[in-house]
mmCIF file of all heavy atoms, coordinates in Angstrom:
data_MODEL
# 
_entry.id   MODEL 
# 
loop_
_atom_site.group_PDB 
_atom_site.id 
_atom_site.type_symbol 
_atom_site.label_atom_id 
_atom_site.label_alt_id 
_atom_site.label_comp_id 
_atom_site.label_asym_id 
_atom_site.label_entity_id 
_atom_site.label_seq_id 
_atom_site.pdbx_PDB_ins_code 
_atom_site.Cartn_x 
_atom_site.Cartn_y 
_atom_site.Cartn_z 
_atom_site.occupancy 
_atom_site.B_iso_or_equiv 
_atom_site.pdbx_formal_charge 
_atom_site.auth_seq_id 
_atom_site.auth_comp_id 
_atom_site.auth_asym_id 
_atom_site.auth_atom_id 
_atom_site.pdbx_PDB_model_num 
ATOM 1   N N   . GLU A 1 1  ? -25.937 31.004 40.111 1.00 0.00 ? 1  GLU A N   1 
ATOM 2   C CA  . GLU A 1 1  ? -25.290 30.625 38.846 1.00 0.00 ? 1  GLU A CA  1 
ATOM 3   C C   . GLU A 1 1  ? -24.654 31.846 38.206 1.00 0.00 ? 1  GLU A C   1 
ATOM 4   O O   . GLU A 1 1  ? -25.038 32.969 38.471 1.00 0.00 ? 1  GLU A O   1 
ATOM 5   C CB  . GLU A 1 1  ? -26.324 30.058 37.867 1.00 0.00 ? 1  GLU A CB  1 
ATOM 6   C CG  . GLU A 1 1  ? -27.043 28.841 38.349 1.00 0.00 ? 1  GLU A CG  1 
ATOM 7   C CD  . GLU A 1 1  ? -26.331 27.547 38.040 1.00 0.00 ? 1  GLU A CD  1 
ATOM 8   O OE1 . GLU A 1 1  ? -25.368 27.566 37.263 1.00 0.00 ? 1  GLU A OE1 1 
ATOM 9   O OE2 . GLU A 1 1  ? -26.741 26.523 38.595 1.00 0.00 ? 1  GLU A OE2 1 
ATOM 10  N N   . GLY A 1 2  ? -23.699 31.581 37.333 1.00 0.00 ? 2  GLY A N   1 
ATOM 11  C CA  . GLY A 1 2  ? -23.164 32.628 36.487 1.00 0.00 ? 2  GLY A CA  1 
ATOM 12  C C   . GLY A 1 2  ? -22.032 33.444 37.065 1.00 0.00 ? 2  GLY A C   1 
ATOM 13  O O   . GLY A 1 2  ? -21.637 34.422 36.471 1.00 0.00 ? 2  GLY A O   1 
ATOM 14  N N   . GLU A 1 3  ? -21.531 33.115 38.232 1.00 0.00 ? 3  GLU A N   1 
ATOM 15  C CA  . GLU A 1 3  ? -20.362 33.793 38.769 1.00 0.00 ? 3  GLU A CA  1 
ATOM 16  C C   . GLU A 1 3  ? -19.177 33.392 37.902 1.00 0.00 ? 3  GLU A C   1 
ATOM 17  O O   . GLU A 1 3  ? -18.578 32.349 38.098 1.00 0.00 ? 3  GLU A O   1 
ATOM 18  C CB  . GLU A 1 3  ? -20.126 33.400 40.222 1.00 0.00 ? 3  GLU A CB  1 
ATOM 19  C CG  . GLU A 1 3  ? -21.216 33.814 41.170 1.00 0.00 ? 3  GLU A CG  1 
ATOM 20  C CD  . GLU A 1 3  ? -21.101 35.263 41.582 1.00 0.00 ? 3  GLU A CD  1 
ATOM 21  O OE1 . GLU A 1 3  ? -19.983 35.798 41.542 1.00 0.00 ? 3  GLU A OE1 1 
ATOM 22  O OE2 . GLU A 1 3  ? -22.134 35.851 41.917 1.00 0.00 ? 3  GLU A OE2 1 
ATOM 23  N N   . ALA A 1 4  ? -18.858 34.210 36.910 1.00 0.00 ? 4  ALA A N   1 
ATOM 24  C CA  . ALA A 1 4  ? -17.800 33.914 35.925 1.00 0.00 ? 4  ALA A CA  1 
ATOM 25  C C   . ALA A 1 4  ? -18.114 32.569 35.275 1.00 0.00 ? 4  ALA A C   1 
ATOM 26  O O   . ALA A 1 4  ? -19.031 32.452 34.497 1.00 0.00 ? 4  ALA A O   1 
ATOM 27  C CB  . ALA A 1 4  ? -16.429 33.955 36.567 1.00 0.00 ? 4  ALA A CB  1 
ATOM 28  N N   . ASP A 1 5  ? -17.384 31.532 35.640 1.00 0.00 ? 5  ASP A N   1 
ATOM 29  C CA  . ASP A 1 5  ? -17.615 30.216 35.033 1.00 0.00 ? 5  ASP A CA  1 
ATOM 30  C C   . ASP A 1 5  ? -18.064 29.201 36.073 1.00 0.00 ? 5  ASP A C   1 
ATOM 31  O O   . ASP A 1 5  ? -17.882 28.021 35.902 1.00 0.00 ? 5  ASP A O   1 
ATOM 32  C CB  . ASP A 1 5  ? -16.351 29.728 34.319 1.00 0.00 ? 5  ASP A CB  1 
ATOM 33  C CG  . ASP A 1 5  ? -15.183 29.551 35.277 1.00 0.00 ? 5  ASP A CG  1 
ATOM 34  O OD1 . ASP A 1 5  ? -15.283 30.013 36.427 1.00 0.00 ? 5  ASP A OD1 1 
ATOM 35  O OD2 . ASP A 1 5  ? -14.184 28.947 34.877 1.00 0.00 ? 5  ASP A OD2 1 
ATOM 36  N N   . GLY A 1 6  ? -18.649 29.674 37.176 1.00 0.00 ? 6  GLY A N   1 
ATOM 37  C CA  . GLY A 1 6  ? -18.978 28.733 38.241 1.00 0.00 ? 6  GLY A CA  1 
ATOM 38  C C   . GLY A 1 6  ? -20.287 28.999 38.943 1.00 0.00 ? 6  GLY A C   1 
ATOM 39  O O   . GLY A 1 6  ? -21.082 29.839 38.552 1.00 0.00 ? 6  GLY A O   1 
ATOM 40  N N   . VAL A 1 7  ? -20.480 28.233 40.004 1.00 0.00 ? 7  VAL A N   1 
ATOM 41  C CA  . VAL A 1 7  ? -21.672 28.294 40.833 1.00 0.00 ? 7  VAL A CA  1 
ATOM 42  C C   . VAL A 1 7  ? -21.229 28.581 42.258 1.00 0.00 ? 7  VAL A C   1 
ATOM 43  O O   . VAL A 1 7  ? -20.244 28.022 42.739 1.00 0.00 ? 7  VAL A O   1 
ATOM 44  C CB  . VAL A 1 7  ? -22.427 26.938 40.808 1.00 0.00 ? 7  VAL A CB  1 
ATOM 45  C CG1 . VAL A 1 7  ? -23.625 26.967 41.728 1.00 0.00 ? 7  VAL A CG1 1 
ATOM 46  C CG2 . VAL A 1 7  ? -22.833 26.576 39.404 1.00 0.00 ? 7  VAL A CG2 1 
ATOM 47  N N   . VAL A 1 8  ? -21.975 29.454 42.941 1.00 0.00 ? 8  VAL A N   1 
ATOM 48  C CA  . VAL A 1 8  ? -21.719 29.728 44.350 1.00 0.00 ? 8  VAL A CA  1 
ATOM 49  C C   . VAL A 1 8  ? -22.894 29.181 45.142 1.00 0.00 ? 8  VAL A C   1 
ATOM 50  O O   . VAL A 1 8  ? -24.050 29.480 44.856 1.00 0.00 ? 8  VAL A O   1 
ATOM 51  C CB  . VAL A 1 8  ? -21.550 31.244 44.623 1.00 0.00 ? 8  VAL A CB  1 
ATOM 52  C CG1 . VAL A 1 8  ? -21.395 31.507 46.108 1.00 0.00 ? 8  VAL A CG1 1 
ATOM 53  C CG2 . VAL A 1 8  ? -20.372 31.803 43.847 1.00 0.00 ? 8  VAL A CG2 1 
ATOM 54  N N   . PHE A 1 9  ? -22.579 28.348 46.132 1.00 0.00 ? 9  PHE A N   1 
ATOM 55  C CA  . PHE A 1 9  ? -23.581 27.847 47.070 1.00 0.00 ? 9  PHE A CA  1 
ATOM 56  C C   . PHE A 1 9  ? -23.397 28.620 48.369 1.00 0.00 ? 9  PHE A C   1 
ATOM 57  O O   . PHE A 1 9  ? -22.342 28.532 48.994 1.00 0.00 ? 9  PHE A O   1 
ATOM 58  C CB  . PHE A 1 9  ? -23.386 26.352 47.344 1.00 0.00 ? 9  PHE A CB  1 
ATOM 59  C CG  . PHE A 1 9  ? -23.609 25.469 46.149 1.00 0.00 ? 9  PHE A CG  1 
ATOM 60  C CD1 . PHE A 1 9  ? -22.543 25.061 45.372 1.00 0.00 ? 9  PHE A CD1 1 
ATOM 61  C CD2 . PHE A 1 9  ? -24.883 25.047 45.811 1.00 0.00 ? 9  PHE A CD2 1 
ATOM 62  C CE1 . PHE A 1 9  ? -22.728 24.237 44.274 1.00 0.00 ? 9  PHE A CE1 1 
ATOM 63  C CE2 . PHE A 1 9  ? -25.083 24.221 44.712 1.00 0.00 ? 9  PHE A CE2 1 
ATOM 64  C CZ  . PHE A 1 9  ? -24.007 23.819 43.939 1.00 0.00 ? 9  PHE A CZ  1 
ATOM 65  N N   . ARG A 1 10 ? -24.425 29.384 48.755 1.00 0.00 ? 10 ARG A N   1 
ATOM 66  C CA  . ARG A 1 10 ? -24.382 30.112 50.027 1.00 0.00 ? 10 ARG A CA  1 
ATOM 67  C C   . ARG A 1 10 ? -25.247 29.342 51.018 1.00 0.00 ? 10 ARG A C   1 
ATOM 68  O O   . ARG A 1 10 ? -26.436 29.152 50.791 1.00 0.00 ? 10 ARG A O   1 
ATOM 69  C CB  . ARG A 1 10 ? -24.890 31.529 49.841 1.00 0.00 ? 10 ARG A CB  1 
ATOM 70  C CG  . ARG A 1 10 ? -23.921 32.382 49.066 1.00 0.00 ? 10 ARG A CG  1 
ATOM 71  C CD  . ARG A 1 10 ? -24.330 33.862 49.086 1.00 0.00 ? 10 ARG A CD  1 
ATOM 72  N NE  . ARG A 1 10 ? -23.329 34.630 48.375 1.00 0.00 ? 10 ARG A NE  1 
ATOM 73  C CZ  . ARG A 1 10 ? -23.415 34.923 47.072 1.00 0.00 ? 10 ARG A CZ  1 
ATOM 74  N NH1 . ARG A 1 10 ? -24.458 34.531 46.381 1.00 0.00 ? 10 ARG A NH1 1 
ATOM 75  N NH2 . ARG A 1 10 ? -22.464 35.616 46.489 1.00 0.00 ? 10 ARG A NH2 1 
ATOM 76  N N   . LEU A 1 11 ? -24.624 28.895 52.095 1.00 0.00 ? 11 LEU A N   1 
ATOM 77  C CA  . LEU A 1 11 ? -25.335 28.124 53.105 1.00 0.00 ? 11 LEU A CA  1 
ATOM 78  C C   . LEU A 1 11 ? -25.653 29.018 54.289 1.00 0.00 ? 11 LEU A C   1 
ATOM 79  O O   . LEU A 1 11 ? -24.804 29.818 54.716 1.00 0.00 ? 11 LEU A O   1 
ATOM 80  C CB  . LEU A 1 11 ? -24.492 26.934 53.557 1.00 0.00 ? 11 LEU A CB  1 
ATOM 81  C CG  . LEU A 1 11 ? -24.443 25.742 52.591 1.00 0.00 ? 11 LEU A CG  1 
ATOM 82  C CD1 . LEU A 1 11 ? -23.681 26.064 51.325 1.00 0.00 ? 11 LEU A CD1 1 
ATOM 83  C CD2 . LEU A 1 11 ? -23.841 24.548 53.263 1.00 0.00 ? 11 LEU A CD2 1 
ATOM 84  N N   . PHE A 1 12 ? -26.864 28.875 54.816 1.00 0.00 ? 12 PHE A N   1 
ATOM 85  C CA  . PHE A 1 12 ? -27.320 29.657 55.951 1.00 0.00 ? 12 PHE A CA  1 
ATOM 86  C C   . PHE A 1 12 ? -27.854 28.711 57.012 1.00 0.00 ? 12 PHE A C   1 
ATOM 87  O O   . PHE A 1 12 ? -28.612 27.800 56.704 1.00 0.00 ? 12 PHE A O   1 
ATOM 88  C CB  . PHE A 1 12 ? -28.453 30.614 55.533 1.00 0.00 ? 12 PHE A CB  1 
ATOM 89  C CG  . PHE A 1 12 ? -28.067 31.593 54.467 1.00 0.00 ? 12 PHE A CG  1 
ATOM 90  C CD1 . PHE A 1 12 ? -28.182 31.259 53.128 1.00 0.00 ? 12 PHE A CD1 1 
ATOM 91  C CD2 . PHE A 1 12 ? -27.579 32.844 54.797 1.00 0.00 ? 12 PHE A CD2 1 
ATOM 92  C CE1 . PHE A 1 12 ? -27.836 32.147 52.132 1.00 0.00 ? 12 PHE A CE1 1 
ATOM 93  C CE2 . PHE A 1 12 ? -27.222 33.748 53.813 1.00 0.00 ? 12 PHE A CE2 1 
ATOM 94  C CZ  . PHE A 1 12 ? -27.349 33.402 52.475 1.00 0.00 ? 12 PHE A CZ  1 
ATOM 95  N N   . GLY A 1 13 ? -27.475 28.927 58.253 1.00 0.00 ? 13 GLY A N   1 
ATOM 96  C CA  . GLY A 1 13 ? -27.965 28.113 59.355 1.00 0.00 ? 13 GLY A CA  1 
ATOM 97  C C   . GLY A 1 13 ? -27.069 26.921 59.623 1.00 0.00 ? 13 GLY A C   1 
ATOM 98  O O   . GLY A 1 13 ? -26.081 26.699 58.925 1.00 0.00 ? 13 GLY A O   1 
ATOM 99  N N   . PRO A 1 14 ? -27.409 26.146 60.640 1.00 0.00 ? 14 PRO A N   1 
ATOM 100 C CA  . PRO A 1 14 ? -26.592 24.986 61.000 1.00 0.00 ? 14 PRO A CA  1 
ATOM 101 C C   . PRO A 1 14 ? -26.625 23.922 59.907 1.00 0.00 ? 14 PRO A C   1 
ATOM 102 O O   . PRO A 1 14 ? -27.657 23.697 59.289 1.00 0.00 ? 14 PRO A O   1 
ATOM 103 C CB  . PRO A 1 14 ? -27.234 24.479 62.288 1.00 0.00 ? 14 PRO A CB  1 
ATOM 104 C CG  . PRO A 1 14 ? -28.621 25.011 62.265 1.00 0.00 ? 14 PRO A CG  1 
ATOM 105 C CD  . PRO A 1 14 ? -28.579 26.284 61.487 1.00 0.00 ? 14 PRO A CD  1 
ATOM 106 N N   . PHE A 1 15 ? -25.480 23.309 59.677 1.00 0.00 ? 15 PHE A N   1 
ATOM 107 C CA  . PHE A 1 15 ? -25.353 22.281 58.643 1.00 0.00 ? 15 PHE A CA  1 
ATOM 108 C C   . PHE A 1 15 ? -25.105 20.963 59.354 1.00 0.00 ? 15 PHE A C   1 
ATOM 109 O O   . PHE A 1 15 ? -23.987 20.472 59.421 1.00 0.00 ? 15 PHE A O   1 
ATOM 110 C CB  . PHE A 1 15 ? -24.216 22.667 57.703 1.00 0.00 ? 15 PHE A CB  1 
ATOM 111 C CG  . PHE A 1 15 ? -24.253 21.997 56.365 1.00 0.00 ? 15 PHE A CG  1 
ATOM 112 C CD1 . PHE A 1 15 ? -25.417 21.927 55.620 1.00 0.00 ? 15 PHE A CD1 1 
ATOM 113 C CD2 . PHE A 1 15 ? -23.114 21.443 55.837 1.00 0.00 ? 15 PHE A CD2 1 
ATOM 114 C CE1 . PHE A 1 15 ? -25.442 21.312 54.374 1.00 0.00 ? 15 PHE A CE1 1 
ATOM 115 C CE2 . PHE A 1 15 ? -23.125 20.829 54.602 1.00 0.00 ? 15 PHE A CE2 1 
ATOM 116 C CZ  . PHE A 1 15 ? -24.287 20.767 53.876 1.00 0.00 ? 15 PHE A CZ  1 
ATOM 117 N N   . THR A 1 16 ? -26.194 20.404 59.927 1.00 0.00 ? 16 THR A N   1 
ATOM 118 C CA  . THR A 1 16 ? -26.099 19.179 60.719 1.00 0.00 ? 16 THR A CA  1 
ATOM 119 C C   . THR A 1 16 ? -27.097 18.152 60.198 1.00 0.00 ? 16 THR A C   1 
ATOM 120 O O   . THR A 1 16 ? -28.061 18.502 59.503 1.00 0.00 ? 16 THR A O   1 
ATOM 121 C CB  . THR A 1 16 ? -26.414 19.450 62.205 1.00 0.00 ? 16 THR A CB  1 
ATOM 122 O OG1 . THR A 1 16 ? -27.787 19.834 62.321 1.00 0.00 ? 16 THR A OG1 1 
ATOM 123 C CG2 . THR A 1 16 ? -25.518 20.530 62.792 1.00 0.00 ? 16 THR A CG2 1 
ATOM 124 N N   . ALA A 1 17 ? -26.879 16.901 60.543 1.00 0.00 ? 17 ALA A N   1 
ATOM 125 C CA  . ALA A 1 17 ? -27.775 15.822 60.111 1.00 0.00 ? 17 ALA A CA  1 
ATOM 126 C C   . ALA A 1 17 ? -29.202 16.100 60.557 1.00 0.00 ? 17 ALA A C   1 
ATOM 127 O O   . ALA A 1 17 ? -30.145 15.992 59.764 1.00 0.00 ? 17 ALA A O   1 
ATOM 128 C CB  . ALA A 1 17 ? -27.288 14.484 60.658 1.00 0.00 ? 17 ALA A CB  1 
ATOM 129 N N   . ARG A 1 18 ? -29.381 16.466 61.801 1.00 0.00 ? 18 ARG A N   1 
ATOM 130 C CA  . ARG A 1 18 ? -30.729 16.699 62.326 1.00 0.00 ? 18 ARG A CA  1 
ATOM 131 C C   . ARG A 1 18 ? -31.437 17.796 61.544 1.00 0.00 ? 18 ARG A C   1 
ATOM 132 O O   . ARG A 1 18 ? -32.586 17.642 61.135 1.00 0.00 ? 18 ARG A O   1 
ATOM 133 C CB  . ARG A 1 18 ? -30.669 17.067 63.804 1.00 0.00 ? 18 ARG A CB  1 
ATOM 134 C CG  . ARG A 1 18 ? -32.047 17.347 64.392 1.00 0.00 ? 18 ARG A CG  1 
ATOM 135 C CD  . ARG A 1 18 ? -31.988 17.670 65.840 1.00 0.00 ? 18 ARG A CD  1 
ATOM 136 N NE  . ARG A 1 18 ? -31.462 19.015 66.006 1.00 0.00 ? 18 ARG A NE  1 
ATOM 137 C CZ  . ARG A 1 18 ? -31.369 19.622 67.163 1.00 0.00 ? 18 ARG A CZ  1 
ATOM 138 N NH1 . ARG A 1 18 ? -31.711 18.988 68.261 1.00 0.00 ? 18 ARG A NH1 1 
ATOM 139 N NH2 . ARG A 1 18 ? -30.915 20.830 67.254 1.00 0.00 ? 18 ARG A NH2 1 
ATOM 140 N N   . ASP A 1 19 ? -30.747 18.900 61.305 1.00 0.00 ? 19 ASP A N   1 
ATOM 141 C CA  . ASP A 1 19 ? -31.381 20.018 60.623 1.00 0.00 ? 19 ASP A CA  1 
ATOM 142 C C   . ASP A 1 19 ? -31.609 19.743 59.140 1.00 0.00 ? 19 ASP A C   1 
ATOM 143 O O   . ASP A 1 19 ? -32.647 20.095 58.597 1.00 0.00 ? 19 ASP A O   1 
ATOM 144 C CB  . ASP A 1 19 ? -30.534 21.287 60.813 1.00 0.00 ? 19 ASP A CB  1 
ATOM 145 C CG  . ASP A 1 19 ? -30.437 21.665 62.279 1.00 0.00 ? 19 ASP A CG  1 
ATOM 146 O OD1 . ASP A 1 19 ? -31.484 21.727 62.942 1.00 0.00 ? 19 ASP A OD1 1 
ATOM 147 O OD2 . ASP A 1 19 ? -29.320 21.883 62.764 1.00 0.00 ? 19 ASP A OD2 1 
ATOM 148 N N   . ILE A 1 20 ? -30.655 19.101 58.483 1.00 0.00 ? 20 ILE A N   1 
ATOM 149 C CA  . ILE A 1 20 ? -30.794 18.799 57.059 1.00 0.00 ? 20 ILE A CA  1 
ATOM 150 C C   . ILE A 1 20 ? -31.917 17.785 56.833 1.00 0.00 ? 20 ILE A C   1 
ATOM 151 O O   . ILE A 1 20 ? -32.799 17.984 55.994 1.00 0.00 ? 20 ILE A O   1 
ATOM 152 C CB  . ILE A 1 20 ? -29.467 18.265 56.473 1.00 0.00 ? 20 ILE A CB  1 
ATOM 153 C CG1 . ILE A 1 20 ? -28.413 19.375 56.451 1.00 0.00 ? 20 ILE A CG1 1 
ATOM 154 C CG2 . ILE A 1 20 ? -29.668 17.695 55.082 1.00 0.00 ? 20 ILE A CG2 1 
ATOM 155 C CD1 . ILE A 1 20 ? -28.639 20.464 55.456 1.00 0.00 ? 20 ILE A CD1 1 
ATOM 156 N N   . TYR A 1 21 ? -31.892 16.665 57.577 1.00 0.00 ? 21 TYR A N   1 
ATOM 157 C CA  . TYR A 1 21 ? -32.892 15.614 57.347 1.00 0.00 ? 21 TYR A CA  1 
ATOM 158 C C   . TYR A 1 21 ? -34.284 16.010 57.825 1.00 0.00 ? 21 TYR A C   1 
ATOM 159 O O   . TYR A 1 21 ? -35.266 15.452 57.360 1.00 0.00 ? 21 TYR A O   1 
ATOM 160 C CB  . TYR A 1 21 ? -32.449 14.293 57.977 1.00 0.00 ? 21 TYR A CB  1 
ATOM 161 C CG  . TYR A 1 21 ? -31.353 13.633 57.181 1.00 0.00 ? 21 TYR A CG  1 
ATOM 162 C CD1 . TYR A 1 21 ? -30.096 13.430 57.726 1.00 0.00 ? 21 TYR A CD1 1 
ATOM 163 C CD2 . TYR A 1 21 ? -31.571 13.216 55.874 1.00 0.00 ? 21 TYR A CD2 1 
ATOM 164 C CE1 . TYR A 1 21 ? -29.077 12.830 56.987 1.00 0.00 ? 21 TYR A CE1 1 
ATOM 165 C CE2 . TYR A 1 21 ? -30.565 12.618 55.126 1.00 0.00 ? 21 TYR A CE2 1 
ATOM 166 C CZ  . TYR A 1 21 ? -29.329 12.432 55.691 1.00 0.00 ? 21 TYR A CZ  1 
ATOM 167 O OH  . TYR A 1 21 ? -28.334 11.853 54.955 1.00 0.00 ? 21 TYR A OH  1 
ATOM 168 N N   . ASN A 1 22 ? -34.386 16.979 58.735 1.00 0.00 ? 22 ASN A N   1 
ATOM 169 C CA  . ASN A 1 22 ? -35.701 17.479 59.125 1.00 0.00 ? 22 ASN A CA  1 
ATOM 170 C C   . ASN A 1 22 ? -36.273 18.428 58.079 1.00 0.00 ? 22 ASN A C   1 
ATOM 171 O O   . ASN A 1 22 ? -37.464 18.695 58.069 1.00 0.00 ? 22 ASN A O   1 
ATOM 172 C CB  . ASN A 1 22 ? -35.644 18.194 60.475 1.00 0.00 ? 22 ASN A CB  1 
ATOM 173 C CG  . ASN A 1 22 ? -35.595 17.231 61.631 1.00 0.00 ? 22 ASN A CG  1 
ATOM 174 O OD1 . ASN A 1 22 ? -36.000 16.079 61.521 1.00 0.00 ? 22 ASN A OD1 1 
ATOM 175 N ND2 . ASN A 1 22 ? -35.070 17.683 62.752 1.00 0.00 ? 22 ASN A ND2 1 
ATOM 176 N N   . SER A 1 23 ? -35.415 18.949 57.206 1.00 0.00 ? 23 SER A N   1 
ATOM 177 C CA  . SER A 1 23 ? -35.837 19.948 56.223 1.00 0.00 ? 23 SER A CA  1 
ATOM 178 C C   . SER A 1 23 ? -35.994 19.396 54.818 1.00 0.00 ? 23 SER A C   1 
ATOM 179 O O   . SER A 1 23 ? -36.755 19.932 54.028 1.00 0.00 ? 23 SER A O   1 
ATOM 180 C CB  . SER A 1 23 ? -34.816 21.086 56.166 1.00 0.00 ? 23 SER A CB  1 
ATOM 181 O OG  . SER A 1 23 ? -34.678 21.687 57.423 1.00 0.00 ? 23 SER A OG  1 
ATOM 182 N N   . LEU A 1 24 ? -35.250 18.342 54.477 1.00 0.00 ? 24 LEU A N   1 
ATOM 183 C CA  . LEU A 1 24 ? -35.215 17.857 53.099 1.00 0.00 ? 24 LEU A CA  1 
ATOM 184 C C   . LEU A 1 24 ? -35.487 16.357 53.045 1.00 0.00 ? 24 LEU A C   1 
ATOM 185 O O   . LEU A 1 24 ? -35.211 15.636 53.996 1.00 0.00 ? 24 LEU A O   1 
ATOM 186 C CB  . LEU A 1 24 ? -33.835 18.127 52.491 1.00 0.00 ? 24 LEU A CB  1 
ATOM 187 C CG  . LEU A 1 24 ? -33.385 19.578 52.430 1.00 0.00 ? 24 LEU A CG  1 
ATOM 188 C CD1 . LEU A 1 24 ? -31.913 19.649 52.076 1.00 0.00 ? 24 LEU A CD1 1 
ATOM 189 C CD2 . LEU A 1 24 ? -34.214 20.342 51.431 1.00 0.00 ? 24 LEU A CD2 1 
ATOM 190 N N   . SER A 1 25 ? -35.963 15.920 51.881 1.00 0.00 ? 25 SER A N   1 
ATOM 191 C CA  . SER A 1 25 ? -36.152 14.483 51.678 1.00 0.00 ? 25 SER A CA  1 
ATOM 192 C C   . SER A 1 25 ? -34.791 13.826 51.462 1.00 0.00 ? 25 SER A C   1 
ATOM 193 O O   . SER A 1 25 ? -33.802 14.493 51.141 1.00 0.00 ? 25 SER A O   1 
ATOM 194 C CB  . SER A 1 25 ? -37.041 14.236 50.462 1.00 0.00 ? 25 SER A CB  1 
ATOM 195 O OG  . SER A 1 25 ? -36.344 14.573 49.274 1.00 0.00 ? 25 SER A OG  1 
ATOM 196 N N   . LEU A 1 26 ? -34.742 12.513 51.585 1.00 0.00 ? 26 LEU A N   1 
ATOM 197 C CA  . LEU A 1 26 ? -33.493 11.776 51.391 1.00 0.00 ? 26 LEU A CA  1 
ATOM 198 C C   . LEU A 1 26 ? -32.940 11.983 49.982 1.00 0.00 ? 26 LEU A C   1 
ATOM 199 O O   . LEU A 1 26 ? -31.742 12.187 49.805 1.00 0.00 ? 26 LEU A O   1 
ATOM 200 C CB  . LEU A 1 26 ? -33.713 10.289 51.672 1.00 0.00 ? 26 LEU A CB  1 
ATOM 201 C CG  . LEU A 1 26 ? -32.473 9.414  51.729 1.00 0.00 ? 26 LEU A CG  1 
ATOM 202 C CD1 . LEU A 1 26 ? -31.483 9.928  52.761 1.00 0.00 ? 26 LEU A CD1 1 
ATOM 203 C CD2 . LEU A 1 26 ? -32.863 7.988  52.042 1.00 0.00 ? 26 LEU A CD2 1 
ATOM 204 N N   . ASP A 1 27 ? -33.808 11.973 48.968 1.00 0.00 ? 27 ASP A N   1 
ATOM 205 C CA  . ASP A 1 27 ? -33.358 12.209 47.586 1.00 0.00 ? 27 ASP A CA  1 
ATOM 206 C C   . ASP A 1 27 ? -32.807 13.616 47.417 1.00 0.00 ? 27 ASP A C   1 
ATOM 207 O O   . ASP A 1 27 ? -31.810 13.820 46.729 1.00 0.00 ? 27 ASP A O   1 
ATOM 208 C CB  . ASP A 1 27 ? -34.492 11.977 46.588 1.00 0.00 ? 27 ASP A CB  1 
ATOM 209 C CG  . ASP A 1 27 ? -34.783 10.500 46.384 1.00 0.00 ? 27 ASP A CG  1 
ATOM 210 O OD1 . ASP A 1 27 ? -33.874 9.675  46.638 1.00 0.00 ? 27 ASP A OD1 1 
ATOM 211 O OD2 . ASP A 1 27 ? -35.910 10.170 45.973 1.00 0.00 ? 27 ASP A OD2 1 
# 
């Protein structure tokens, strides 16, 4: 937060259905 007037999302690792859904809940 706080980068001037915005938000920066830094993503690390593969961004795939298998990896996301194995790591996070549906909500």
